Amino acid sequence: MLAQPFSLLLSCHNKWHCSSTTKYPLYTLRNPLETFNAFENSISLFRPQNSKFDLFCFFLSNKLHEMMEVEVGEHNVLLVRCDGMYSAISNQCTHYGAPLSKGVLSGHRVRCPWHGSCFNVKTGDLEEYPGTDCLPCHKAVKVENNKVYVSVKKRIQGQPKRLKWMGARDLGVSHTVMLLGGGAASLMCAETLRQENYGGRIIMVSRDELLPYDKTRLSKVMNAESESLLMRRMDFFHKYDIEVWLKKEALSIDTNKKTVTFDDGLIQCYDQILIATGCRAKGLDCPGADLENVLMLETPEDARCIHYTCMGCRTVVVGTSFIGMEVAAYMIDMASSVTIIGSSELPYQRTLGPEIGKVTMMMLEERGVTFYMNDAVAEVQGENRRIKAVKLKSGLKIEADVLIVGIGVNPNSEFLKGTQINMDSKNYVIVDEYMRTNITDVYCAGDLTCFPLKMAKGQKVSIGHWQIAQAHGRIAALSMLRREVELNSVPFYWTVLLGKTIRYTGYGEGYTELVLKGKFENMKFLALYLKHGEVVAAAGLNVEPAVSVVAERLAEGRVITKAEAE
C-alpha cells in the first residue's frame, strides 16, 4: 500500500509530487571506473575480468520504500527498496518510455506516471496495461554495510524492454482457440495463452489489412506510416505459432456446432472462441452524408487521408468528445479554418465534465477554432459530389471543404444476431468478471462488451478504452485455461490537445461533486470526481503522477473520502 496518507501524496507546499517516490540526483557514468559521491548517495562500477556482467554498488538511506534512478551507459536503471529488500529494473516504461522513478511505488509494483502501466519491481513483469512488454530485471547480488551491489548484464544494457517467455504450438494438441478481431484484446489474449504455455492452435481473424496496431495514436499522429503503429510484426506471430488471417470477416457463428462462417465462404471449427470485433464509427444520418470529403477516422489510412485532405482547406469537425477534439486540435496549423459542431453545451460534458470542457474549448478558441454548440448537422450540401457547406439544425450554414465525423460508435455485433449470446439493449455483449458470455466456451472482450466494473461495485458498463481492452484479452485467456482471475483493472486513458496531455482514471459517470486542486486557467490542476462522498475518478493536467496515485488507490479498493480529497 501507499506509505503516506492520500492528501500528502497529492500536495505539499503547493508543489505536486508523490511522497512514496524518493527523488535523487541523476548521475551519468561517463568513465566506467569513476565513482560519484554526493551527500549520502554514491555509485561505483566494478567490471570483473571476462565477465558478462557489470557490477554496480549503490549506497542508500534506511527508508523501507524508495526508488532511485541511475543512468548506466545508455540504460536507465530503477533501484527499488521495498520492505527493506532491494531490486533493480529498467526505469523506462515499455509503453512510451516514461521515467518510472517519477511514478508511484505501491507495495511491490510501480505505476507509470504518464499512462498507468504497472510493473512488478521484483521481476519487471507487466501487471497492468497499456504497456505490452515487461522490463529487464537486474540482479541485486548482496547487501553489505548499507551498500547494495547490482549486476547488469552487458547484453541488455540499452534495452528498455523484455518480452515475457512464451511457448509455441504443440502439434499433439488438437484444441483450437479462435480470436475474432485484430485489436488489442485479441492480441493480449493470444500472448497470454502462449505465456501460459497453451499448446493448441490459435487463429486470429481480422477484417483489417494490418496486424494489430496502436489505435490511440491515430488522432494524435495522423500522418504516421502504418508500420510505425504495429504492436507486433509478422515474425512475432510466426515465431509463436499464432495464425493471423487478415481481410476476413465473420458473417455468422453457430455456438452449437462451434463453427464460424466467413465472408469468403470458409467455415472454421473452434473449441473456444473470443469475440473481440469492437465497434465502428457512427456515420451521419442526413442528406449528403455520402458526399466526397465526408470523412471518419477508423484506420491509419483514414488518418493519413484526413491529414492530407485538410491541408489548406475549410475543415468542419462534428463531435466534441476525444476523437473530434483531438482531430480538430491537430488540424489547427494545417487547415485554413477549423470549426467544431457539438450536440452538448460544452466539449467532454458527459465524460470530463463541463469545467474541463470549458477550459479545452477556450484553449482551441484562442488558436482560432470556432465552436457551434447545442447544435447538429441537418444537411451536408455539395456540388459535383463534393462538399460545399454544412447546414445545421439551427439554420446556420457553414462553408466547408472537408467534414470529419466523430459522433460515437456502433458495436460490430450484427453477425451475432440469431445466436443465443446475450446482448444488452444497445447490442453490446454481456459478460461476467471473467469475460465469459452466457454460452460455454464463448468469451467476449474489448469495446464490444458490457462488463462488470469492480471499482464501480460491479456496475455493468461499456468502456471503449485501449487499456481496458488489453486487460479483457488477458482475463479471457486465463478463463479459457480455467485459471479464473477476476477483472480488476481501473480505467486509465489520456487525451492530447495542443501538446497538453489530460490524464483520466476511474469511472465518473453520474458523479455529483467535483473537488479541484490547482486552477483550470493555470493549466495545472487535479479534478477529483465524487459520488456518494467517495472519489470515483480523477482528471489531471501537469500534475504527474497525481492521477496515477488515484488510480493505484482505486485499484487497491481503498476508499478516498471527500475529506481526504479536499
Protein backbone atom coordinates (compact mmCIF):
# COMPACT_ATOMS: atom_id res chain seq x y z
CA MET A 1 0.00 0.00 0.00
CA LEU A 2 0.99 3.64 -0.37
CA ALA A 3 3.07 4.71 2.57
CA GLN A 4 1.59 8.19 3.07
CA PRO A 5 -1.97 9.49 3.57
CA PHE A 6 -3.68 10.33 0.29
CA SER A 7 -3.75 14.07 0.89
CA LEU A 8 0.01 14.15 1.47
CA LEU A 9 0.61 12.32 -1.77
CA LEU A 10 -1.18 14.98 -3.76
CA SER A 11 0.12 18.27 -2.41
CA CYS A 12 2.82 19.73 -0.25
CA HIS A 13 3.54 23.47 -0.12
CA ASN A 14 1.63 23.77 -3.42
CA LYS A 15 4.14 21.52 -5.19
CA TRP A 16 2.84 18.37 -6.86
CA HIS A 17 4.70 15.19 -6.09
CA CYS A 18 4.32 11.63 -4.86
CA SER A 19 5.75 11.15 -1.40
CA SER A 20 6.23 7.43 -1.95
CA THR A 21 8.94 8.19 -4.51
CA THR A 22 12.25 9.47 -3.18
CA LYS A 23 13.94 11.90 -5.57
CA TYR A 24 17.68 11.66 -6.07
CA PRO A 25 20.17 13.47 -8.28
CA LEU A 26 20.73 11.78 -11.65
CA TYR A 27 24.25 10.54 -12.25
CA THR A 28 25.74 9.62 -15.61
CA LEU A 29 28.60 7.12 -15.65
CA ARG A 30 30.87 8.55 -18.32
CA ASN A 31 34.02 6.83 -17.07
CA PRO A 32 33.38 3.15 -16.15
CA LEU A 33 35.80 3.35 -13.23
CA GLU A 34 34.63 6.71 -11.96
CA THR A 35 32.94 6.90 -8.56
CA PHE A 36 30.42 9.60 -7.73
CA ASN A 37 29.80 10.81 -4.21
CA ALA A 38 27.16 13.30 -3.20
CA PHE A 39 25.98 13.59 0.36
CA GLU A 40 24.55 10.18 1.33
CA ASN A 41 24.45 8.71 -2.20
CA SER A 42 27.31 7.03 -4.03
CA ILE A 43 27.65 4.85 -7.11
CA SER A 44 30.56 2.66 -8.11
CA LEU A 45 31.12 0.39 -11.11
CA PHE A 46 33.20 -2.79 -10.97
CA ARG A 47 33.94 -4.82 -14.09
CA PRO A 48 35.35 -8.28 -13.30
CA GLN A 49 37.69 -9.57 -15.99
CA ASN A 50 35.96 -11.63 -18.75
CA SER A 51 32.61 -11.17 -17.00
CA LYS A 52 29.25 -10.95 -18.79
CA PHE A 53 28.08 -8.55 -16.09
CA ASP A 54 28.86 -5.02 -14.93
CA LEU A 55 28.64 -4.84 -11.14
CA PHE A 56 27.39 -1.61 -9.59
CA CYS A 57 27.45 -0.52 -5.98
CA PHE A 58 24.91 1.92 -4.51
CA PHE A 59 24.59 3.44 -1.07
CA LEU A 60 21.05 4.29 0.02
CA SER A 61 19.32 5.51 3.12
CA ASN A 62 17.46 3.23 5.53
CA LYS A 63 13.96 4.04 4.29
CA LEU A 64 11.74 0.99 3.78
CA HIS A 65 10.21 2.20 0.50
CA GLU A 66 12.11 4.28 -2.02
CA MET A 67 13.15 4.46 -5.65
CA MET A 68 16.31 5.78 -7.23
CA GLU A 69 17.08 6.36 -10.90
CA VAL A 70 20.61 5.75 -12.16
CA GLU A 71 21.82 6.12 -15.73
CA VAL A 72 24.22 3.36 -16.70
CA GLY A 73 25.59 3.95 -20.18
CA GLU A 74 22.51 4.02 -22.40
CA HIS A 75 20.34 2.22 -19.88
CA ASN A 76 18.24 3.74 -17.09
CA VAL A 77 18.13 1.54 -14.01
CA LEU A 78 15.49 1.89 -11.31
CA LEU A 79 16.78 0.71 -7.94
CA VAL A 80 13.90 -0.03 -5.59
CA ARG A 81 13.77 -0.83 -1.91
CA CYS A 82 10.56 -2.49 -0.69
CA ASP A 83 10.23 -3.72 2.88
CA GLY A 84 13.99 -3.46 3.21
CA MET A 85 14.66 -5.67 0.16
CA TYR A 86 16.35 -4.34 -2.97
CA SER A 87 15.58 -4.95 -6.63
CA ALA A 88 16.64 -3.30 -9.88
CA ILE A 89 14.68 -2.97 -13.11
CA SER A 90 14.72 -0.76 -16.19
CA ASN A 91 13.48 2.75 -15.45
CA GLN A 92 11.73 3.34 -18.79
CA CYS A 93 8.09 2.32 -19.12
CA THR A 94 7.70 -0.07 -22.04
CA HIS A 95 4.69 1.87 -23.32
CA TYR A 96 6.04 5.32 -24.31
CA GLY A 97 9.26 5.45 -22.29
CA ALA A 98 8.12 7.45 -19.25
CA PRO A 99 10.55 7.54 -16.29
CA LEU A 100 9.14 5.16 -13.69
CA SER A 101 11.17 6.89 -11.00
CA LYS A 102 8.61 9.70 -11.26
CA GLY A 103 5.72 7.26 -10.89
CA VAL A 104 4.02 5.65 -7.91
CA LEU A 105 5.58 2.90 -5.81
CA SER A 106 2.92 0.82 -4.07
CA GLY A 107 3.81 -2.47 -2.46
CA HIS A 108 5.81 -4.50 -4.96
CA ARG A 109 4.75 -2.62 -8.04
CA VAL A 110 5.42 0.72 -9.68
CA ARG A 111 2.83 2.58 -11.74
CA CYS A 112 3.83 4.74 -14.71
CA PRO A 113 3.15 8.47 -14.21
CA TRP A 114 2.00 9.01 -17.80
CA HIS A 115 -0.46 6.28 -18.77
CA GLY A 116 -0.79 3.96 -15.78
CA SER A 117 1.12 0.84 -16.83
CA CYS A 118 2.25 -1.19 -13.81
CA PHE A 119 5.31 -3.39 -13.32
CA ASN A 120 6.42 -5.76 -10.60
CA VAL A 121 9.58 -4.27 -9.11
CA LYS A 122 10.88 -7.73 -8.17
CA THR A 123 10.57 -9.34 -11.60
CA GLY A 124 9.95 -6.49 -14.05
CA ASP A 125 6.82 -8.31 -15.25
CA LEU A 126 3.97 -6.25 -16.65
CA GLU A 127 0.98 -6.17 -14.28
CA GLU A 128 -1.24 -3.52 -15.88
CA TYR A 129 -1.61 -2.17 -19.39
CA PRO A 130 -1.36 -0.19 -21.74
CA GLY A 131 2.28 -1.31 -21.94
CA THR A 132 2.73 -4.62 -23.73
CA ASP A 133 6.23 -5.68 -22.71
CA CYS A 134 7.99 -6.42 -19.44
CA LEU A 135 11.06 -4.64 -18.07
CA PRO A 136 14.58 -6.08 -17.92
CA CYS A 137 15.30 -7.17 -14.36
CA HIS A 138 18.79 -6.89 -12.89
CA LYS A 139 20.18 -8.93 -10.04
CA ALA A 140 20.75 -7.41 -6.61
CA VAL A 141 23.50 -9.79 -5.59
CA LYS A 142 24.15 -8.74 -2.00
CA VAL A 143 23.84 -6.02 0.62
CA GLU A 144 26.80 -5.14 2.85
CA ASN A 145 27.42 -2.14 5.12
CA ASN A 146 24.50 -0.16 3.69
CA LYS A 147 25.73 -0.84 0.17
CA VAL A 148 23.70 -2.82 -2.35
CA TYR A 149 25.57 -4.49 -5.24
CA VAL A 150 23.65 -4.82 -8.52
CA SER A 151 24.82 -6.77 -11.56
CA VAL A 152 23.68 -5.65 -15.00
CA LYS A 153 24.07 -8.00 -17.95
CA LYS A 154 26.07 -6.27 -20.66
CA ARG A 155 23.85 -7.67 -23.39
CA ILE A 156 20.72 -5.98 -22.04
CA GLN A 157 22.25 -2.57 -21.40
CA GLY A 158 20.37 -0.09 -23.55
CA GLN A 159 17.41 -2.47 -24.00
CA PRO A 160 14.43 -0.99 -22.15
CA LYS A 161 12.02 -3.84 -22.96
CA ARG A 162 11.79 -7.56 -22.30
CA LEU A 163 9.40 -9.96 -23.96
CA LYS A 164 7.88 -12.34 -21.45
CA TRP A 165 8.59 -16.02 -22.09
CA MET A 166 6.12 -17.60 -24.47
CA GLY A 167 5.63 -21.16 -25.60
CA ALA A 168 4.65 -22.36 -29.07
CA ARG A 169 2.20 -24.78 -30.61
CA ASP A 170 2.32 -28.44 -29.71
CA LEU A 171 1.18 -30.40 -32.77
CA GLY A 172 -0.03 -33.14 -30.44
CA VAL A 173 -2.70 -30.78 -29.08
CA SER A 174 -5.81 -30.68 -31.28
CA HIS A 175 -7.55 -27.90 -29.35
CA THR A 176 -8.27 -24.63 -31.27
CA VAL A 177 -8.88 -21.12 -29.93
CA MET A 178 -10.31 -18.64 -32.41
CA LEU A 179 -9.98 -14.90 -31.85
CA LEU A 180 -12.42 -12.79 -33.85
CA GLY A 181 -10.99 -9.30 -34.20
CA GLY A 182 -7.50 -7.99 -34.77
CA GLY A 183 -7.22 -5.43 -31.99
CA ALA A 184 -5.66 -5.11 -28.56
CA ALA A 185 -7.97 -7.61 -26.85
CA SER A 186 -7.26 -10.42 -29.30
CA LEU A 187 -3.52 -9.76 -29.27
CA MET A 188 -3.28 -9.83 -25.49
CA CYS A 189 -5.42 -12.97 -25.39
CA ALA A 190 -3.09 -14.72 -27.84
CA GLU A 191 0.03 -13.62 -25.99
CA THR A 192 -1.35 -14.65 -22.61
CA LEU A 193 -2.28 -18.09 -23.92
CA ARG A 194 1.27 -18.66 -25.14
CA GLN A 195 2.75 -17.18 -21.94
CA GLU A 196 0.71 -19.76 -20.02
CA ASN A 197 2.15 -22.47 -22.28
CA TYR A 198 -1.06 -23.22 -24.15
CA GLY A 199 -0.01 -25.57 -26.96
CA GLY A 200 -3.13 -25.61 -29.11
CA ARG A 201 -3.89 -23.79 -32.34
CA ILE A 202 -4.53 -20.03 -32.14
CA ILE A 203 -6.26 -18.30 -35.05
CA MET A 204 -6.63 -14.52 -35.02
CA VAL A 205 -9.05 -13.22 -37.64
CA SER A 206 -9.28 -9.56 -38.64
CA ARG A 207 -11.17 -7.71 -41.32
CA ASP A 208 -8.35 -5.13 -41.34
CA GLU A 209 -5.45 -5.18 -43.76
CA LEU A 210 -2.98 -4.62 -40.91
CA LEU A 211 -1.67 -6.57 -37.97
CA PRO A 212 -2.77 -5.23 -34.55
CA TYR A 213 -1.72 -1.58 -34.24
CA ASP A 214 -1.85 1.21 -31.66
CA LYS A 215 -5.16 2.91 -32.37
CA THR A 216 -4.65 5.52 -29.66
CA ARG A 217 -2.15 7.29 -31.92
CA LEU A 218 -4.47 7.69 -34.91
CA SER A 219 -5.86 11.07 -33.81
CA LYS A 220 -2.54 12.23 -32.35
CA VAL A 221 -0.05 11.48 -35.15
CA MET A 222 -2.30 11.43 -38.18
CA ASN A 223 0.39 11.20 -40.85
CA ALA A 224 2.10 8.18 -39.26
CA GLU A 225 3.01 5.28 -41.53
CA SER A 226 1.15 2.07 -40.76
CA GLU A 227 4.31 0.10 -40.00
CA SER A 228 5.24 2.51 -37.21
CA LEU A 229 1.95 1.80 -35.43
CA LEU A 230 2.20 -2.00 -35.34
CA MET A 231 2.24 -3.57 -31.89
CA ARG A 232 3.90 -6.76 -33.16
CA ARG A 233 5.36 -7.66 -36.53
CA MET A 234 4.66 -10.77 -38.56
CA ASP A 235 7.83 -12.55 -37.46
CA PHE A 236 6.49 -12.44 -33.89
CA PHE A 237 3.32 -14.29 -34.90
CA HIS A 238 5.32 -16.84 -36.87
CA LYS A 239 7.72 -17.44 -34.01
CA TYR A 240 4.96 -18.20 -31.53
CA ASP A 241 2.65 -20.04 -33.94
CA ILE A 242 -0.19 -17.55 -33.88
CA GLU A 243 -2.07 -17.72 -37.18
CA VAL A 244 -3.29 -14.35 -38.47
CA TRP A 245 -6.00 -14.15 -41.10
CA LEU A 246 -6.33 -10.63 -42.49
CA LYS A 247 -9.09 -9.12 -44.64
CA LYS A 248 -11.54 -11.77 -43.50
CA GLU A 249 -14.86 -11.04 -41.78
CA ALA A 250 -17.16 -13.31 -39.78
CA LEU A 251 -20.72 -13.47 -41.12
CA SER A 252 -22.24 -15.83 -38.56
CA ILE A 253 -21.42 -18.10 -35.65
CA ASP A 254 -23.02 -21.42 -34.69
CA THR A 255 -22.37 -21.93 -30.99
CA ASN A 256 -23.90 -25.40 -31.03
CA LYS A 257 -21.68 -26.73 -33.81
CA LYS A 258 -18.82 -24.44 -32.73
CA THR A 259 -18.27 -23.06 -36.23
CA VAL A 260 -17.81 -19.62 -37.77
CA THR A 261 -18.78 -18.78 -41.35
CA PHE A 262 -16.69 -16.12 -43.08
CA ASP A 263 -17.33 -13.76 -45.98
CA ASP A 264 -15.22 -15.88 -48.36
CA GLY A 265 -17.35 -18.97 -47.71
CA LEU A 266 -14.93 -20.65 -45.30
CA ILE A 267 -16.45 -22.47 -42.33
CA GLN A 268 -13.96 -22.89 -39.49
CA CYS A 269 -14.38 -25.02 -36.35
CA TYR A 270 -13.23 -23.91 -32.89
CA ASP A 271 -13.14 -25.29 -29.37
CA GLN A 272 -13.15 -21.91 -27.64
CA ILE A 273 -13.76 -18.51 -29.15
CA LEU A 274 -13.12 -14.90 -28.20
CA ILE A 275 -15.38 -12.31 -29.81
CA ALA A 276 -13.47 -9.02 -29.94
CA THR A 277 -14.75 -7.36 -33.09
CA GLY A 278 -15.02 -3.96 -31.40
CA CYS A 279 -17.02 -1.02 -32.68
CA ARG A 280 -17.12 1.10 -35.81
CA ALA A 281 -17.53 4.83 -36.26
CA LYS A 282 -21.10 6.06 -36.41
CA GLY A 283 -21.95 7.98 -39.57
CA LEU A 284 -24.25 10.94 -40.09
CA ASP A 285 -27.90 10.24 -40.82
CA CYS A 286 -28.79 13.16 -43.02
CA PRO A 287 -28.89 14.17 -46.69
CA GLY A 288 -25.42 14.49 -48.24
CA ALA A 289 -23.69 12.25 -45.70
CA ASP A 290 -22.24 10.20 -48.58
CA LEU A 291 -20.53 13.11 -50.35
CA GLU A 292 -16.81 13.09 -51.04
CA ASN A 293 -14.62 14.54 -48.28
CA VAL A 294 -17.07 13.49 -45.57
CA LEU A 295 -14.52 11.51 -43.59
CA MET A 296 -14.36 9.30 -40.50
CA LEU A 297 -11.36 8.08 -38.52
CA GLU A 298 -11.00 4.31 -38.07
CA THR A 299 -7.72 3.20 -39.63
CA PRO A 300 -4.20 4.57 -40.28
CA GLU A 301 -5.21 5.07 -43.90
CA ASP A 302 -8.17 7.18 -42.74
CA ALA A 303 -5.84 9.24 -40.56
CA ARG A 304 -3.45 9.95 -43.40
CA CYS A 305 -6.35 10.79 -45.69
CA ILE A 306 -7.67 13.34 -43.18
CA HIS A 307 -4.18 14.77 -42.66
CA TYR A 308 -3.54 15.46 -46.34
CA THR A 309 -7.11 16.32 -47.37
CA CYS A 310 -7.49 19.04 -44.75
CA MET A 311 -4.32 20.94 -45.65
CA GLY A 312 -5.26 24.50 -46.58
CA CYS A 313 -8.97 23.65 -46.51
CA ARG A 314 -12.00 24.84 -44.57
CA THR A 315 -12.43 21.97 -42.13
CA VAL A 316 -15.52 21.21 -40.07
CA VAL A 317 -15.47 18.61 -37.29
CA VAL A 318 -18.68 17.11 -35.91
CA GLY A 319 -18.32 15.79 -32.37
CA THR A 320 -16.73 17.21 -29.23
CA SER A 321 -15.50 14.14 -27.43
CA PHE A 322 -11.99 12.67 -27.61
CA ILE A 323 -11.67 11.91 -31.33
CA GLY A 324 -13.32 15.11 -32.55
CA MET A 325 -11.38 17.40 -30.23
CA GLU A 326 -8.02 15.74 -30.89
CA VAL A 327 -8.50 15.86 -34.66
CA ALA A 328 -9.57 19.50 -34.51
CA ALA A 329 -6.56 20.44 -32.39
CA TYR A 330 -4.25 18.53 -34.73
CA MET A 331 -5.57 20.42 -37.77
CA ILE A 332 -5.18 23.94 -36.40
CA ASP A 333 -1.84 24.65 -38.10
CA MET A 334 -2.73 22.87 -41.35
CA ALA A 335 -6.31 23.73 -42.25
CA SER A 336 -7.28 27.23 -43.41
CA SER A 337 -10.01 27.20 -40.77
CA VAL A 338 -11.36 24.76 -38.19
CA THR A 339 -14.97 24.69 -37.00
CA ILE A 340 -16.38 22.31 -34.41
CA ILE A 341 -20.04 21.35 -34.07
CA GLY A 342 -21.17 19.81 -30.76
CA SER A 343 -24.51 18.49 -29.55
CA SER A 344 -23.88 19.48 -25.91
CA GLU A 345 -23.23 22.84 -24.28
CA LEU A 346 -19.50 22.14 -23.79
CA PRO A 347 -16.93 19.60 -25.03
CA TYR A 348 -16.44 16.44 -22.95
CA GLN A 349 -19.54 17.34 -20.96
CA ARG A 350 -20.55 13.73 -20.35
CA THR A 351 -17.03 12.46 -19.70
CA LEU A 352 -14.63 15.00 -18.20
CA GLY A 353 -17.38 17.37 -17.14
CA PRO A 354 -18.28 20.98 -18.00
CA GLU A 355 -15.39 22.55 -16.07
CA ILE A 356 -12.69 20.82 -18.11
CA GLY A 357 -14.83 21.15 -21.21
CA LYS A 358 -14.83 24.92 -20.81
CA VAL A 359 -11.05 25.02 -20.43
CA THR A 360 -10.40 22.89 -23.53
CA MET A 361 -12.87 24.97 -25.51
CA MET A 362 -11.00 28.14 -24.56
CA MET A 363 -7.67 26.51 -25.49
CA LEU A 364 -8.85 25.85 -29.02
CA GLU A 365 -10.74 29.14 -29.39
CA GLU A 366 -7.52 31.02 -28.57
CA ARG A 367 -5.99 29.28 -31.60
CA GLY A 368 -8.80 30.39 -33.91
CA VAL A 369 -11.18 27.42 -33.72
CA THR A 370 -14.89 28.28 -33.96
CA PHE A 371 -17.43 26.31 -31.93
CA TYR A 372 -21.16 25.86 -32.58
CA MET A 373 -22.57 24.03 -29.57
CA ASN A 374 -26.04 22.69 -28.78
CA ASP A 375 -26.47 22.06 -32.47
CA ALA A 376 -26.31 19.25 -35.03
CA VAL A 377 -25.89 18.65 -38.76
CA ALA A 378 -29.15 18.76 -40.72
CA GLU A 379 -27.69 18.50 -44.23
CA VAL A 380 -24.36 18.26 -45.99
CA GLN A 381 -24.57 20.34 -49.15
CA GLY A 382 -22.38 19.74 -52.16
CA GLU A 383 -21.70 20.24 -55.81
CA ASN A 384 -20.43 17.59 -58.23
CA ARG A 385 -20.41 15.10 -55.32
CA ARG A 386 -18.03 17.29 -53.28
CA ILE A 387 -18.96 19.02 -50.04
CA LYS A 388 -19.51 22.77 -50.19
CA ALA A 389 -21.33 23.58 -46.96
CA VAL A 390 -22.77 22.14 -43.77
CA LYS A 391 -26.27 23.19 -42.78
CA LEU A 392 -27.11 22.95 -39.07
CA LYS A 393 -30.48 22.27 -37.45
CA SER A 394 -30.40 25.80 -36.10
CA GLY A 395 -30.47 27.01 -39.72
CA LEU A 396 -26.86 28.19 -39.75
CA LYS A 397 -24.85 27.39 -42.87
CA ILE A 398 -21.08 26.80 -42.64
CA GLU A 399 -18.95 26.76 -45.79
CA ALA A 400 -16.67 23.74 -45.81
CA ASP A 401 -14.28 21.73 -47.97
CA VAL A 402 -13.93 18.80 -45.56
CA LEU A 403 -16.27 17.37 -42.93
CA ILE A 404 -14.86 15.00 -40.30
CA VAL A 405 -17.39 12.97 -38.33
CA GLY A 406 -16.65 11.83 -34.78
CA ILE A 407 -20.03 11.32 -33.15
CA GLY A 408 -19.63 7.96 -31.47
CA VAL A 409 -19.61 4.28 -32.37
CA ASN A 410 -21.82 1.29 -33.08
CA PRO A 411 -20.93 -2.23 -31.89
CA ASN A 412 -19.86 -4.78 -34.52
CA SER A 413 -22.28 -7.42 -33.31
CA GLU A 414 -24.65 -7.89 -36.25
CA PHE A 415 -23.22 -11.33 -37.02
CA LEU A 416 -24.28 -12.50 -33.55
CA LYS A 417 -27.96 -11.92 -34.19
CA GLY A 418 -29.81 -15.20 -34.27
CA THR A 419 -27.47 -16.75 -31.71
CA GLN A 420 -28.27 -17.31 -28.05
CA ILE A 421 -25.46 -15.00 -26.92
CA ASN A 422 -26.92 -12.41 -24.55
CA MET A 423 -26.64 -8.77 -25.58
CA ASP A 424 -27.95 -5.60 -23.97
CA SER A 425 -30.37 -3.10 -25.49
CA LYS A 426 -27.55 -1.42 -27.43
CA ASN A 427 -26.27 -4.74 -28.83
CA TYR A 428 -23.17 -4.94 -26.64
CA VAL A 429 -22.29 -8.47 -25.49
CA ILE A 430 -22.89 -9.13 -21.80
CA VAL A 431 -20.06 -10.87 -19.93
CA ASP A 432 -19.16 -11.64 -16.32
CA GLU A 433 -15.99 -10.65 -14.45
CA TYR A 434 -14.13 -13.49 -16.21
CA MET A 435 -15.17 -12.30 -19.69
CA ARG A 436 -17.49 -15.29 -20.13
CA THR A 437 -20.74 -14.93 -22.05
CA ASN A 438 -23.80 -16.98 -21.20
CA ILE A 439 -22.65 -19.64 -23.71
CA THR A 440 -19.98 -22.13 -22.65
CA ASP A 441 -16.62 -21.62 -24.38
CA VAL A 442 -17.71 -18.27 -25.84
CA TYR A 443 -15.89 -15.23 -24.45
CA CYS A 444 -16.02 -11.56 -25.35
CA ALA A 445 -13.55 -8.72 -24.79
CA GLY A 446 -12.87 -5.11 -25.68
CA ASP A 447 -15.15 -2.31 -26.83
CA LEU A 448 -17.94 -4.74 -27.73
CA THR A 449 -18.55 -5.85 -24.14
CA CYS A 450 -20.88 -4.84 -21.37
CA PHE A 451 -18.93 -5.95 -18.31
CA PRO A 452 -18.99 -5.53 -14.51
CA LEU A 453 -16.54 -2.85 -13.36
CA LYS A 454 -15.22 -3.85 -9.95
CA MET A 455 -14.28 -0.34 -8.82
CA ALA A 456 -17.89 0.72 -9.60
CA LYS A 457 -19.24 -2.01 -7.32
CA GLY A 458 -19.87 -4.35 -10.23
CA GLN A 459 -21.92 -1.92 -12.32
CA LYS A 460 -22.29 -3.17 -15.90
CA VAL A 461 -20.54 -0.74 -18.25
CA SER A 462 -19.28 -0.45 -21.81
CA ILE A 463 -15.94 1.38 -21.95
CA GLY A 464 -14.02 1.89 -25.18
CA HIS A 465 -10.58 2.32 -23.62
CA TRP A 466 -7.43 0.77 -25.07
CA GLN A 467 -6.06 -0.38 -21.71
CA ILE A 468 -9.37 -1.99 -20.72
CA ALA A 469 -9.49 -3.96 -23.98
CA GLN A 470 -5.99 -5.28 -23.30
CA ALA A 471 -6.96 -6.33 -19.77
CA HIS A 472 -10.07 -8.05 -21.12
CA GLY A 473 -7.96 -10.12 -23.50
CA ARG A 474 -5.70 -11.35 -20.72
CA ILE A 475 -8.59 -12.23 -18.40
CA ALA A 476 -10.36 -14.10 -21.23
CA ALA A 477 -7.23 -16.15 -21.96
CA LEU A 478 -6.86 -17.16 -18.32
CA SER A 479 -10.54 -18.09 -18.19
CA MET A 480 -10.14 -20.28 -21.26
CA LEU A 481 -7.40 -22.12 -19.39
CA ARG A 482 -9.68 -22.46 -16.34
CA ARG A 483 -7.36 -20.18 -14.37
CA GLU A 484 -10.03 -17.73 -13.39
CA VAL A 485 -8.75 -14.30 -12.41
CA GLU A 486 -11.29 -11.59 -11.73
CA LEU A 487 -11.08 -8.42 -13.80
CA ASN A 488 -9.76 -5.68 -11.51
CA SER A 489 -8.41 -3.02 -13.87
CA VAL A 490 -9.16 0.63 -13.19
CA PRO A 491 -9.82 2.58 -16.41
CA PHE A 492 -6.96 4.92 -17.37
CA TYR A 493 -6.82 7.00 -20.52
CA TRP A 494 -5.47 10.27 -21.84
CA THR A 495 -6.12 12.87 -24.47
CA VAL A 496 -3.66 15.29 -26.09
CA LEU A 497 -4.64 18.81 -27.15
CA LEU A 498 -2.06 21.30 -28.45
CA GLY A 499 0.75 19.41 -26.76
CA LYS A 500 -1.01 19.24 -23.39
CA THR A 501 -1.99 15.84 -22.01
CA ILE A 502 -5.06 15.44 -19.82
CA ARG A 503 -4.99 12.12 -17.95
CA TYR A 504 -8.09 10.42 -16.56
CA THR A 505 -8.65 7.44 -14.31
CA GLY A 506 -11.69 5.75 -12.81
CA TYR A 507 -15.33 5.83 -13.80
CA GLY A 508 -17.01 9.15 -13.13
CA GLU A 509 -20.39 8.69 -14.79
CA GLY A 510 -23.08 10.12 -12.57
CA TYR A 511 -20.66 11.99 -10.30
CA THR A 512 -22.33 14.55 -8.04
CA GLU A 513 -19.42 16.66 -6.78
CA LEU A 514 -16.08 17.86 -8.05
CA VAL A 515 -13.12 18.80 -5.86
CA LEU A 516 -10.48 20.87 -7.60
CA LYS A 517 -6.79 21.08 -6.74
CA GLY A 518 -4.98 23.84 -8.59
CA LYS A 519 -6.64 26.10 -11.16
CA PHE A 520 -8.09 25.29 -14.56
CA GLU A 521 -6.97 28.63 -16.01
CA ASN A 522 -3.36 27.94 -14.96
CA MET A 523 -3.33 24.71 -16.96
CA LYS A 524 -2.28 22.83 -13.84
CA PHE A 525 -4.98 21.01 -11.96
CA LEU A 526 -6.31 17.80 -10.48
CA ALA A 527 -10.06 17.32 -10.63
CA LEU A 528 -11.49 14.67 -8.28
CA TYR A 529 -14.96 13.37 -9.14
CA LEU A 530 -17.10 12.23 -6.20
CA LYS A 531 -20.20 10.11 -5.89
CA HIS A 532 -21.84 9.26 -2.55
CA GLY A 533 -18.99 11.04 -0.78
CA GLU A 534 -16.23 8.95 -2.39
CA VAL A 535 -13.77 9.69 -5.19
CA VAL A 536 -14.72 7.63 -8.26
CA ALA A 537 -12.50 9.28 -10.87
CA ALA A 538 -9.80 11.89 -11.40
CA ALA A 539 -8.52 14.02 -14.27
CA GLY A 540 -5.30 15.97 -14.23
CA LEU A 541 -3.11 18.26 -16.31
CA ASN A 542 0.56 18.88 -15.49
CA VAL A 543 0.31 17.23 -12.05
CA GLU A 544 2.06 13.92 -12.69
CA PRO A 545 1.91 11.45 -11.01
CA ALA A 546 -1.26 12.56 -9.16
CA VAL A 547 -3.67 10.74 -11.50
CA SER A 548 -1.60 7.55 -11.14
CA VAL A 549 -1.79 7.94 -7.35
CA VAL A 550 -5.58 7.96 -7.58
CA ALA A 551 -5.57 5.00 -9.97
CA GLU A 552 -3.48 2.97 -7.55
CA ARG A 553 -5.77 3.74 -4.63
CA LEU A 554 -8.81 2.74 -6.67
CA ALA A 555 -7.08 -0.45 -7.83
CA GLU A 556 -6.35 -1.38 -4.21
CA GLY A 557 -10.04 -0.96 -3.40
CA ARG A 558 -9.25 1.70 -0.80
CA VAL A 559 -11.84 4.45 -0.46
CA ILE A 560 -10.78 8.06 -0.99
CA THR A 561 -13.19 10.13 1.08
CA LYS A 562 -14.33 13.66 0.39
CA ALA A 563 -12.36 14.82 3.42
CA GLU A 564 -9.16 13.34 2.02
CA ALA A 565 -9.86 14.80 -1.41
CA GLU A 566 -10.33 18.27 -0.01
